Amino acid sequence: MIHIPAIQTPAAAGLAQAFAKQSPRLNPHRIGLSSRLISLGVFVIFAALIVQAFLRQGLAVWSVGIAYILYDTALLVFTTWRIWPLRHGALVPPASTARPRFAVIVAARNEAAVLDVTIDRLAAQDDAPDVILIADDGSNDSTAEVFADRYGLVPPALGVISAPSPVLPSLRWLRLPHGGKARALNAAMLEIDAEVMLTVDADTLLDPGAIAAMRAAFAAEPELVAATGVIRPMCGPDWSGRLFEWFQTYEYVRNFLSRHAWEQQHSLLLISGAFAAFRREAVVAVGGFDPECMVEDYELIHRLHRHAADAGLEWRIRVIGRAIARTDAPATLTAFLRQRRRWFGGFLQTQYWNRDMVGNRRFGQLGTQMLPVKALDMVQPIYGLAAFVILIVVLASGRFHIVVPILLIMLAKIAIDLTFHLGSLRLYARWTGQSEGLRFGPALLAAILEPFTFQLFRHWGALLGWIAFLTGKETWTAQSRSAIRASREV
């Protein structure tokens, strides 16, 4: 991708200087002994478990699979412990007379087919944003025609923000040379005058009360600097879309409950940039989004945590259960693998750049609990694929005396997953107020089938992420928006 730099304003220069100072990619930190031991141990343990497949004859042949199951079960137990209070419902933030000014930034490239749907949903919010700014990342489709015909906007010069739309006064248009999502967000946030900025992808539709819930959370807690809403997938009307939406719906439920669990440990790292709110001054202080990271939202949260620890700030990062959005998720295997390759590759980048934080007591529970878990997560998908391959080899070699205990272990794990899965649906509904599409029967079937189907696809995508990380070959690519196009009929 060729990047054409935008005009360097004093604000942009200041942001670049802050980033140069705050980025661990540009300023690597000394790696402590604990971090080195944890990182090395993750790979040594994996190698030792794989060796068992060649040295052992009994159930120990499948040691890597047993380790994978034990680790995953331990995470389920932790999540269950931390989300159990949700049985009483979501905590409502205390009422506040403050009403922080909210600006929504939509970074978009060639999204003309769905951009008007996204904008209209934002404008129709129960508590509409004060500003809706489209950061147009060098679109060469019919985006200009959509803005002109539907919103009466005249194309501004590159790097210049438009006048307000005569049709929708909160709407502004910032045309930029193509430089990627992170650069578009950085340029846009320097153009807004708002305390809180909300990043929303062009393929994401907010439920009517989403911004009201976000605004209430930021008004009630001055220390809150970043928050993610709860996202639900939508994948289009064809059979492939329905199948992927089915699996991803339950995956997203587990993932967001897990985020809530880690929030209780003051260790939330994963903020979905598709629907995330930030205090603008905090993001400016750490230098904005990193254009070289495949997952710029995830990397930014690490810098916010790092800056808070360095400066002794009581910053908080949360997931807001009542802020709901729906995103156009991959509806085919190819699109799904492409997405997971980028996600996991970006996770590996960020973990590598911030490896000095792993096991580091200076970062509290984030350093001593969350980041060691993330170090294990780097190889968890490889554990899963290796366990599957070894099981197939054992079956092919006719060693059925080993297969039976392996299958019993797998059935026990499915029973544990199923118990968590079904119990978590009730907690999720109490937390978010959402129960649509979370029926008992489909959830039961998904829990049974997932280890042999969708879970393997996730691991496959992660393996591709390792390749993307090691080769550095990944870009922000266009996705099909079949679900959002279908939403026009709703």
Protein backbone atom coordinates (compact mmCIF):
# COMPACT_ATOMS: atom_id res chain seq x y z
CA MET A 1 0.00 0.00 0.00
CA ILE A 2 1.37 3.42 -0.96
CA HIS A 3 0.73 6.04 1.71
CA ILE A 4 0.41 9.64 0.65
CA PRO A 5 0.98 11.78 3.76
CA ALA A 6 -1.67 14.30 4.67
CA ILE A 7 -0.87 17.93 5.35
CA GLN A 8 1.19 18.10 8.56
CA THR A 9 -0.66 20.47 10.88
CA PRO A 10 0.71 21.42 14.32
CA ALA A 11 -1.85 19.10 15.92
CA ALA A 12 -0.76 16.21 13.68
CA ALA A 13 2.88 16.92 14.45
CA GLY A 14 2.11 16.87 18.18
CA LEU A 15 0.29 13.57 17.84
CA ALA A 16 3.22 12.07 15.95
CA GLN A 17 5.63 13.24 18.65
CA ALA A 18 3.49 11.72 21.39
CA PHE A 19 3.34 8.45 19.48
CA ALA A 20 7.10 8.41 18.94
CA LYS A 21 7.54 8.77 22.69
CA GLN A 22 4.84 6.33 23.83
CA SER A 23 5.05 3.51 21.28
CA PRO A 24 6.82 0.36 22.51
CA ARG A 25 7.30 -0.56 18.87
CA LEU A 26 9.49 2.50 18.34
CA ASN A 27 10.92 2.49 21.87
CA PRO A 28 11.39 -1.12 23.00
CA HIS A 29 11.59 -1.55 26.76
CA ARG A 30 13.96 -3.78 28.67
CA ILE A 31 12.62 -7.31 28.94
CA GLY A 32 12.62 -8.58 32.51
CA LEU A 33 13.55 -12.07 33.63
CA SER A 34 9.95 -13.03 34.45
CA SER A 35 8.83 -12.10 30.94
CA ARG A 36 11.64 -14.09 29.36
CA LEU A 37 10.90 -17.15 31.48
CA ILE A 38 7.16 -17.04 30.77
CA SER A 39 7.62 -16.54 27.02
CA LEU A 40 10.27 -19.25 26.78
CA GLY A 41 8.28 -21.61 28.98
CA VAL A 42 5.23 -21.37 26.71
CA PHE A 43 7.17 -22.79 23.77
CA VAL A 44 9.27 -25.26 25.78
CA ILE A 45 6.15 -26.80 27.31
CA PHE A 46 4.54 -27.09 23.89
CA ALA A 47 7.63 -28.81 22.45
CA ALA A 48 7.78 -31.19 25.42
CA LEU A 49 4.12 -32.14 25.01
CA ILE A 50 4.55 -32.78 21.28
CA VAL A 51 7.54 -35.03 21.99
CA GLN A 52 5.26 -37.24 24.10
CA ALA A 53 3.43 -38.26 20.93
CA PHE A 54 6.61 -39.97 19.75
CA LEU A 55 7.94 -41.31 23.07
CA ARG A 56 4.78 -42.60 24.76
CA GLN A 57 2.47 -45.49 23.97
CA GLY A 58 -0.56 -44.88 26.17
CA LEU A 59 -2.83 -41.89 26.73
CA ALA A 60 0.25 -39.67 27.15
CA VAL A 61 0.52 -39.75 23.35
CA TRP A 62 -2.24 -37.14 23.46
CA SER A 63 -0.61 -35.00 26.17
CA VAL A 64 -0.92 -31.86 24.07
CA GLY A 65 -4.68 -32.40 23.81
CA ILE A 66 -5.03 -32.95 27.55
CA ALA A 67 -3.05 -29.78 28.26
CA TYR A 68 -5.23 -27.85 25.80
CA ILE A 69 -8.42 -29.06 27.51
CA LEU A 70 -7.13 -28.33 31.01
CA TYR A 71 -6.09 -24.80 30.05
CA ASP A 72 -9.37 -24.01 28.33
CA THR A 73 -11.34 -25.41 31.25
CA ALA A 74 -9.34 -23.28 33.70
CA LEU A 75 -10.29 -20.18 31.71
CA LEU A 76 -13.96 -21.21 31.79
CA VAL A 77 -13.81 -21.63 35.57
CA PHE A 78 -12.23 -18.18 35.95
CA THR A 79 -14.81 -16.57 33.66
CA THR A 80 -17.68 -18.28 35.50
CA TRP A 81 -16.39 -17.00 38.84
CA ARG A 82 -16.10 -13.41 37.64
CA ILE A 83 -19.39 -13.22 35.71
CA TRP A 84 -21.53 -14.98 38.34
CA PRO A 85 -22.65 -11.65 39.89
CA LEU A 86 -24.39 -10.88 36.59
CA ARG A 87 -27.22 -13.14 37.74
CA HIS A 88 -28.46 -10.03 39.55
CA GLY A 89 -28.41 -8.03 36.32
CA ALA A 90 -26.14 -5.29 35.01
CA LEU A 91 -24.94 -2.53 37.27
CA VAL A 92 -26.53 0.77 36.29
CA PRO A 93 -24.09 3.70 36.44
CA PRO A 94 -25.10 6.39 38.92
CA ALA A 95 -27.05 9.27 37.47
CA SER A 96 -24.97 12.26 36.46
CA THR A 97 -25.84 15.74 35.33
CA ALA A 98 -22.77 15.72 33.08
CA ARG A 99 -23.37 15.15 29.41
CA PRO A 100 -20.04 14.66 27.64
CA ARG A 101 -19.97 15.80 24.04
CA PHE A 102 -19.91 12.75 21.79
CA ALA A 103 -18.46 12.51 18.30
CA VAL A 104 -18.69 9.40 16.15
CA ILE A 105 -15.88 8.69 13.70
CA VAL A 106 -16.54 6.24 10.88
CA ALA A 107 -13.35 5.34 9.03
CA ALA A 108 -14.49 4.07 5.65
CA ARG A 109 -13.02 3.16 2.30
CA ASN A 110 -15.27 2.28 -0.65
CA GLU A 111 -18.33 1.68 1.56
CA ALA A 112 -20.85 3.51 -0.64
CA ALA A 113 -23.18 0.50 -0.70
CA VAL A 114 -23.83 0.64 3.05
CA LEU A 115 -22.62 4.02 4.30
CA ASP A 116 -26.05 5.65 4.28
CA VAL A 117 -27.51 2.83 6.39
CA THR A 118 -24.78 3.27 9.00
CA ILE A 119 -25.17 7.07 9.08
CA ASP A 120 -28.95 6.94 9.32
CA ARG A 121 -28.79 4.45 12.21
CA LEU A 122 -26.39 6.78 14.04
CA ALA A 123 -28.61 9.79 13.46
CA ALA A 124 -31.66 7.87 14.70
CA GLN A 125 -30.12 7.04 18.10
CA ASP A 126 -32.20 7.69 21.21
CA ASP A 127 -29.38 10.02 22.30
CA ALA A 128 -27.90 11.04 18.97
CA PRO A 129 -24.20 11.96 18.72
CA ASP A 130 -23.25 15.61 18.51
CA VAL A 131 -21.02 14.94 15.49
CA ILE A 132 -20.88 12.18 12.90
CA LEU A 133 -17.60 12.45 11.04
CA ILE A 134 -16.89 10.19 8.08
CA ALA A 135 -13.14 9.74 7.67
CA ASP A 136 -13.07 8.86 3.98
CA ASP A 137 -9.86 6.90 3.42
CA GLY A 138 -9.34 7.63 -0.26
CA SER A 139 -12.57 6.05 -1.54
CA ASN A 140 -12.78 5.67 -5.33
CA ASP A 141 -16.29 4.20 -5.53
CA SER A 142 -19.57 6.16 -5.51
CA THR A 143 -19.11 7.51 -1.96
CA ALA A 144 -19.10 11.12 -3.25
CA GLU A 145 -22.40 10.55 -5.07
CA VAL A 146 -24.00 9.14 -1.90
CA PHE A 147 -22.91 12.17 0.11
CA ALA A 148 -24.10 14.58 -2.58
CA ASP A 149 -27.44 12.94 -3.41
CA ARG A 150 -28.53 11.88 0.07
CA TYR A 151 -26.89 14.44 2.36
CA GLY A 152 -26.22 17.46 0.14
CA LEU A 153 -22.48 17.47 0.84
CA VAL A 154 -19.98 19.00 -1.57
CA PRO A 155 -16.62 17.18 -1.72
CA PRO A 156 -14.08 19.09 0.40
CA ALA A 157 -10.41 19.32 -0.50
CA LEU A 158 -8.16 16.49 0.70
CA GLY A 159 -7.40 16.86 4.39
CA VAL A 160 -10.18 19.42 4.89
CA ILE A 161 -13.36 18.80 6.84
CA SER A 162 -16.61 19.68 5.08
CA ALA A 163 -19.29 22.08 6.21
CA PRO A 164 -22.21 20.43 8.04
CA SER A 165 -24.72 18.59 5.90
CA PRO A 166 -27.82 20.67 5.15
CA VAL A 167 -29.88 17.48 5.51
CA LEU A 168 -28.21 16.16 8.68
CA PRO A 169 -26.38 19.01 10.49
CA SER A 170 -24.33 16.67 12.68
CA LEU A 171 -22.78 14.99 9.62
CA ARG A 172 -19.36 16.06 8.35
CA TRP A 173 -17.08 14.60 5.67
CA LEU A 174 -13.29 14.44 5.89
CA ARG A 175 -11.63 13.36 2.65
CA LEU A 176 -8.18 11.85 3.07
CA PRO A 177 -5.56 10.24 0.85
CA HIS A 178 -5.61 6.48 1.20
CA GLY A 179 -3.41 5.57 4.15
CA GLY A 180 -5.30 2.91 6.10
CA LYS A 181 -7.78 2.88 8.93
CA ALA A 182 -5.43 3.99 11.73
CA ARG A 183 -4.25 7.07 9.82
CA ALA A 184 -7.83 7.95 8.95
CA LEU A 185 -8.86 7.75 12.62
CA ASN A 186 -5.86 9.82 13.71
CA ALA A 187 -6.63 12.55 11.20
CA ALA A 188 -10.31 12.58 12.10
CA MET A 189 -9.89 12.80 15.86
CA LEU A 190 -7.79 15.95 15.45
CA GLU A 191 -10.73 17.59 13.65
CA ILE A 192 -13.37 17.05 16.34
CA ASP A 193 -14.20 19.09 19.41
CA ALA A 194 -15.61 16.40 21.68
CA GLU A 195 -14.73 14.93 25.04
CA VAL A 196 -15.53 11.38 23.92
CA MET A 197 -15.04 9.91 20.47
CA LEU A 198 -16.78 6.77 19.33
CA THR A 199 -15.21 4.70 16.55
CA VAL A 200 -17.75 2.79 14.50
CA ASP A 201 -16.99 0.68 11.45
CA ALA A 202 -19.05 1.24 8.33
CA ASP A 203 -20.28 -2.35 8.63
CA THR A 204 -21.63 -1.85 12.17
CA LEU A 205 -25.16 -0.80 13.10
CA LEU A 206 -25.87 0.52 16.59
CA ASP A 207 -29.03 -0.42 18.48
CA PRO A 208 -31.14 2.65 19.41
CA GLY A 209 -29.90 2.98 23.01
CA ALA A 210 -26.22 2.27 22.37
CA ILE A 211 -24.84 5.81 22.49
CA ALA A 212 -27.04 6.71 25.46
CA ALA A 213 -25.53 3.79 27.40
CA MET A 214 -22.00 4.83 26.42
CA ARG A 215 -22.58 8.48 27.28
CA ALA A 216 -24.01 7.54 30.69
CA ALA A 217 -20.97 5.36 31.45
CA PHE A 218 -18.48 8.12 30.60
CA ALA A 219 -20.51 10.74 32.47
CA ALA A 220 -20.60 8.59 35.62
CA GLU A 221 -16.89 7.70 35.72
CA PRO A 222 -14.28 10.37 34.97
CA GLU A 223 -11.54 7.71 35.13
CA LEU A 224 -13.11 5.78 32.26
CA VAL A 225 -10.89 6.33 29.20
CA ALA A 226 -11.99 3.52 26.89
CA ALA A 227 -15.01 1.26 26.60
CA THR A 228 -16.32 -1.29 24.18
CA GLY A 229 -19.94 -2.06 23.55
CA VAL A 230 -21.29 -5.57 23.11
CA ILE A 231 -21.33 -6.66 19.49
CA ARG A 232 -23.52 -9.27 17.84
CA PRO A 233 -22.72 -10.74 14.41
CA MET A 234 -24.97 -10.68 11.37
CA CYS A 235 -23.93 -12.62 8.31
CA GLY A 236 -26.49 -12.38 5.55
CA PRO A 237 -29.49 -14.39 4.42
CA ASP A 238 -27.97 -17.32 2.47
CA TRP A 239 -27.21 -20.74 3.98
CA SER A 240 -23.52 -20.00 4.48
CA GLY A 241 -24.32 -16.73 6.22
CA ARG A 242 -26.87 -18.36 8.51
CA LEU A 243 -24.40 -21.12 9.42
CA PHE A 244 -21.57 -18.71 10.24
CA GLU A 245 -23.92 -16.40 12.12
CA TRP A 246 -25.11 -19.34 14.22
CA PHE A 247 -21.63 -20.29 15.38
CA GLN A 248 -20.33 -16.73 15.72
CA THR A 249 -23.34 -15.64 17.79
CA TYR A 250 -22.43 -18.03 20.58
CA GLU A 251 -18.72 -17.30 20.16
CA TYR A 252 -19.38 -13.58 20.63
CA VAL A 253 -21.47 -14.27 23.76
CA ARG A 254 -18.56 -16.15 25.35
CA ASN A 255 -16.01 -13.57 24.24
CA PHE A 256 -17.84 -10.57 25.66
CA LEU A 257 -18.56 -12.35 28.93
CA SER A 258 -14.84 -13.14 29.11
CA ARG A 259 -14.07 -9.45 28.59
CA HIS A 260 -16.41 -8.60 31.45
CA ALA A 261 -14.56 -11.14 33.61
CA TRP A 262 -11.16 -9.58 32.88
CA GLU A 263 -12.60 -6.11 33.45
CA GLN A 264 -13.19 -7.18 37.06
CA GLN A 265 -9.42 -7.79 37.30
CA HIS A 266 -8.67 -4.31 35.90
CA SER A 267 -7.11 -6.14 32.97
CA LEU A 268 -9.37 -5.62 29.99
CA LEU A 269 -7.28 -5.40 26.81
CA LEU A 270 -9.64 -6.24 23.97
CA ILE A 271 -11.70 -3.27 22.81
CA SER A 272 -13.60 -3.78 19.56
CA GLY A 273 -12.74 -0.84 17.32
CA ALA A 274 -15.92 -1.58 15.38
CA PHE A 275 -17.78 -0.03 18.33
CA ALA A 276 -15.53 1.58 20.92
CA ALA A 277 -15.53 4.86 22.83
CA PHE A 278 -12.44 6.76 24.03
CA ARG A 279 -11.75 9.94 25.93
CA ARG A 280 -10.13 11.92 23.16
CA GLU A 281 -7.49 13.58 25.35
CA ALA A 282 -6.27 10.17 26.59
CA VAL A 283 -5.84 8.86 23.04
CA VAL A 284 -4.01 12.05 22.02
CA ALA A 285 -1.74 11.73 25.07
CA VAL A 286 -0.51 8.30 23.96
CA GLY A 287 -0.15 9.24 20.28
CA GLY A 288 -3.28 7.87 18.63
CA PHE A 289 -3.60 4.68 16.64
CA ASP A 290 -0.58 2.76 15.30
CA PRO A 291 -0.77 2.48 11.48
CA GLU A 292 1.67 -0.45 11.46
CA CYS A 293 -0.48 -2.71 13.64
CA MET A 294 -3.00 -5.10 12.10
CA VAL A 295 -5.37 -4.47 15.04
CA GLU A 296 -4.86 -0.83 15.93
CA ASP A 297 -7.60 -0.79 18.59
CA TYR A 298 -6.04 -3.65 20.59
CA GLU A 299 -2.57 -2.11 20.44
CA LEU A 300 -3.88 1.27 21.59
CA ILE A 301 -5.32 -0.23 24.79
CA HIS A 302 -1.88 -1.54 25.75
CA ARG A 303 -0.45 1.98 25.43
CA LEU A 304 -3.28 3.40 27.54
CA HIS A 305 -2.57 0.83 30.27
CA ARG A 306 1.17 1.50 30.01
CA HIS A 307 0.74 5.28 30.22
CA ALA A 308 -1.59 4.96 33.22
CA ALA A 309 0.98 2.85 35.06
CA ASP A 310 3.83 5.21 34.16
CA ALA A 311 1.92 8.33 35.23
CA GLY A 312 0.15 6.82 38.26
CA LEU A 313 -3.30 7.39 36.76
CA GLU A 314 -6.42 5.46 37.81
CA TRP A 315 -7.66 5.01 34.26
CA ARG A 316 -10.37 2.42 33.68
CA ILE A 317 -11.31 0.39 30.61
CA ARG A 318 -14.69 -1.33 30.53
CA VAL A 319 -17.23 -3.23 28.48
CA ILE A 320 -20.70 -1.63 28.58
CA GLY A 321 -23.29 -4.39 28.57
CA ARG A 322 -26.24 -2.23 27.54
CA ALA A 323 -24.46 -0.66 24.56
CA ILE A 324 -25.34 -3.06 21.74
CA ALA A 325 -24.28 -3.05 18.10
CA ARG A 326 -24.50 -5.52 15.24
CA THR A 327 -21.63 -5.99 12.85
CA ASP A 328 -21.51 -7.50 9.39
CA ALA A 329 -19.42 -10.58 10.21
CA PRO A 330 -17.80 -13.01 7.72
CA ALA A 331 -20.33 -15.22 6.01
CA THR A 332 -17.95 -17.56 4.15
CA LEU A 333 -14.97 -19.63 5.19
CA THR A 334 -12.59 -17.54 3.07
CA ALA A 335 -13.76 -14.27 4.60
CA PHE A 336 -13.70 -15.78 8.09
CA LEU A 337 -10.11 -17.02 7.73
CA ARG A 338 -9.03 -13.65 6.33
CA GLN A 339 -10.52 -11.86 9.34
CA ARG A 340 -9.04 -14.24 11.91
CA ARG A 341 -5.65 -14.12 10.20
CA ARG A 342 -5.57 -10.34 10.66
CA TRP A 343 -6.90 -10.49 14.21
CA PHE A 344 -4.41 -13.10 15.39
CA GLY A 345 -1.51 -11.59 13.48
CA GLY A 346 -2.21 -8.24 15.13
CA PHE A 347 -2.50 -9.91 18.52
CA LEU A 348 0.96 -11.45 18.03
CA GLN A 349 2.41 -8.10 16.96
CA THR A 350 1.04 -6.38 20.04
CA GLN A 351 2.10 -9.15 22.39
CA TYR A 352 5.63 -9.00 20.99
CA TRP A 353 5.93 -5.21 21.23
CA ASN A 354 4.64 -5.26 24.82
CA ARG A 355 6.42 -8.40 26.03
CA ASP A 356 8.15 -6.41 28.77
CA MET A 357 4.76 -6.10 30.48
CA VAL A 358 4.34 -9.89 30.78
CA GLY A 359 4.81 -10.91 34.41
CA ASN A 360 5.70 -7.33 35.33
CA ARG A 361 4.26 -6.42 38.75
CA ARG A 362 4.40 -2.73 37.89
CA PHE A 363 1.30 -3.28 35.74
CA GLY A 364 -0.68 -4.95 38.52
CA GLN A 365 -3.05 -7.79 37.67
CA LEU A 366 -2.70 -6.95 33.99
CA GLY A 367 1.00 -7.80 34.13
CA THR A 368 0.84 -10.75 36.51
CA GLN A 369 -2.39 -12.41 35.33
CA MET A 370 -3.80 -11.26 32.00
CA LEU A 371 -0.61 -10.95 29.96
CA PRO A 372 0.80 -14.35 31.03
CA VAL A 373 -2.52 -15.82 29.90
CA LYS A 374 -2.10 -13.98 26.59
CA ALA A 375 1.39 -15.49 26.29
CA LEU A 376 -0.25 -18.91 26.51
CA ASP A 377 -2.92 -17.84 24.04
CA MET A 378 -0.20 -17.32 21.43
CA VAL A 379 0.18 -21.09 21.10
CA GLN A 380 -3.27 -22.28 22.20
CA PRO A 381 -4.52 -22.62 18.59
CA ILE A 382 -1.40 -24.60 17.69
CA TYR A 383 -2.13 -26.88 20.68
CA GLY A 384 -5.65 -27.41 19.34
CA LEU A 385 -4.57 -28.22 15.79
CA ALA A 386 -1.76 -30.48 17.01
CA ALA A 387 -4.19 -32.36 19.26
CA PHE A 388 -6.54 -32.88 16.32
CA VAL A 389 -3.75 -34.10 14.02
CA ILE A 390 -2.42 -36.52 16.64
CA LEU A 391 -5.93 -37.88 17.19
CA ILE A 392 -6.33 -38.51 13.46
CA VAL A 393 -2.93 -40.28 13.34
CA VAL A 394 -3.90 -42.45 16.32
CA LEU A 395 -7.16 -43.39 14.62
CA ALA A 396 -5.43 -44.14 11.32
CA SER A 397 -2.88 -46.36 13.06
CA GLY A 398 -5.64 -48.45 14.66
CA ARG A 399 -4.66 -47.75 18.29
CA PHE A 400 -8.26 -47.82 19.47
CA HIS A 401 -7.26 -48.59 23.08
CA ILE A 402 -5.99 -44.99 23.18
CA VAL A 403 -8.89 -43.53 21.22
CA VAL A 404 -11.53 -44.58 23.75
CA PRO A 405 -10.06 -42.67 26.74
CA ILE A 406 -9.35 -39.69 24.47
CA LEU A 407 -12.98 -39.62 23.37
CA LEU A 408 -14.12 -39.89 27.00
CA ILE A 409 -11.97 -36.86 27.87
CA MET A 410 -13.40 -34.97 24.92
CA LEU A 411 -16.96 -35.87 25.93
CA ALA A 412 -16.25 -34.64 29.46
CA LYS A 413 -14.94 -31.37 28.01
CA ILE A 414 -18.03 -31.01 25.81
CA ALA A 415 -20.20 -31.51 28.91
CA ILE A 416 -18.27 -28.78 30.74
CA ASP A 417 -18.51 -26.45 27.76
CA LEU A 418 -22.20 -27.16 27.41
CA THR A 419 -22.87 -26.40 31.07
CA PHE A 420 -20.99 -23.11 30.82
CA HIS A 421 -22.55 -22.33 27.45
CA LEU A 422 -26.14 -22.72 28.55
CA GLY A 423 -25.60 -21.02 31.91
CA SER A 424 -23.80 -18.11 30.29
CA LEU A 425 -26.75 -17.40 27.98
CA ARG A 426 -28.91 -16.54 30.98
CA LEU A 427 -26.20 -14.31 32.47
CA TYR A 428 -25.63 -12.63 29.12
CA ALA A 429 -29.34 -11.88 28.79
CA ARG A 430 -29.45 -10.34 32.29
CA TRP A 431 -26.35 -8.27 31.55
CA THR A 432 -27.24 -6.97 28.10
CA GLY A 433 -31.02 -7.26 28.04
CA GLN A 434 -30.59 -9.29 24.84
CA SER A 435 -31.92 -12.82 24.37
CA GLU A 436 -32.86 -12.72 20.68
CA GLY A 437 -31.46 -15.69 18.76
CA LEU A 438 -30.12 -17.42 21.88
CA ARG A 439 -32.45 -20.41 22.11
CA PHE A 440 -31.64 -23.55 24.11
CA GLY A 441 -31.83 -26.05 21.22
CA PRO A 442 -29.49 -24.29 18.77
CA ALA A 443 -27.10 -23.48 21.63
CA LEU A 444 -26.98 -27.16 22.62
CA LEU A 445 -26.26 -28.26 19.07
CA ALA A 446 -23.60 -25.57 18.57
CA ALA A 447 -21.80 -26.62 21.76
CA ILE A 448 -21.68 -30.24 20.57
CA LEU A 449 -20.56 -29.53 17.00
CA GLU A 450 -18.18 -26.63 17.56
CA PRO A 451 -15.09 -28.61 18.74
CA PHE A 452 -15.10 -30.59 15.49
CA THR A 453 -15.94 -27.76 13.09
CA PHE A 454 -15.92 -24.06 13.90
CA GLN A 455 -13.21 -24.33 16.54
CA LEU A 456 -10.86 -25.89 13.99
CA PHE A 457 -11.58 -23.01 11.59
CA ARG A 458 -10.64 -20.54 14.35
CA HIS A 459 -7.38 -22.36 14.95
CA TRP A 460 -6.68 -22.47 11.21
CA GLY A 461 -7.19 -18.72 10.99
CA ALA A 462 -4.82 -18.25 13.93
CA LEU A 463 -2.17 -20.34 12.20
CA LEU A 464 -2.50 -18.04 9.18
CA GLY A 465 -2.13 -15.17 11.65
CA TRP A 466 1.25 -16.56 12.68
CA ILE A 467 2.27 -16.48 9.02
CA ALA A 468 1.03 -12.90 8.66
CA PHE A 469 2.95 -11.90 11.81
CA LEU A 470 6.18 -13.55 10.73
CA THR A 471 6.02 -12.23 7.16
CA GLY A 472 4.44 -8.83 7.92
CA LYS A 473 2.04 -9.27 5.00
CA GLU A 474 -1.42 -8.05 5.94
CA THR A 475 -3.54 -5.05 4.96
CA TRP A 476 -6.95 -3.54 5.64
CA THR A 477 -9.02 -5.31 2.98
CA ALA A 478 -12.58 -4.77 1.82
CA GLN A 479 -15.27 -7.18 2.99
CA SER A 480 -18.61 -8.15 1.53
CA ARG A 481 -21.50 -6.39 3.29
CA SER A 482 -24.33 -8.82 2.51
CA ALA A 483 -25.97 -8.55 5.94
CA ILE A 484 -26.06 -4.74 6.00
CA ARG A 485 -27.47 -4.63 2.50
CA ALA A 486 -30.22 -7.00 3.64
CA SER A 487 -30.92 -4.71 6.60
CA ARG A 488 -32.24 -2.05 4.19
CA GLU A 489 -35.41 -4.12 4.06
CA VAL A 490 -35.84 -4.03 7.86
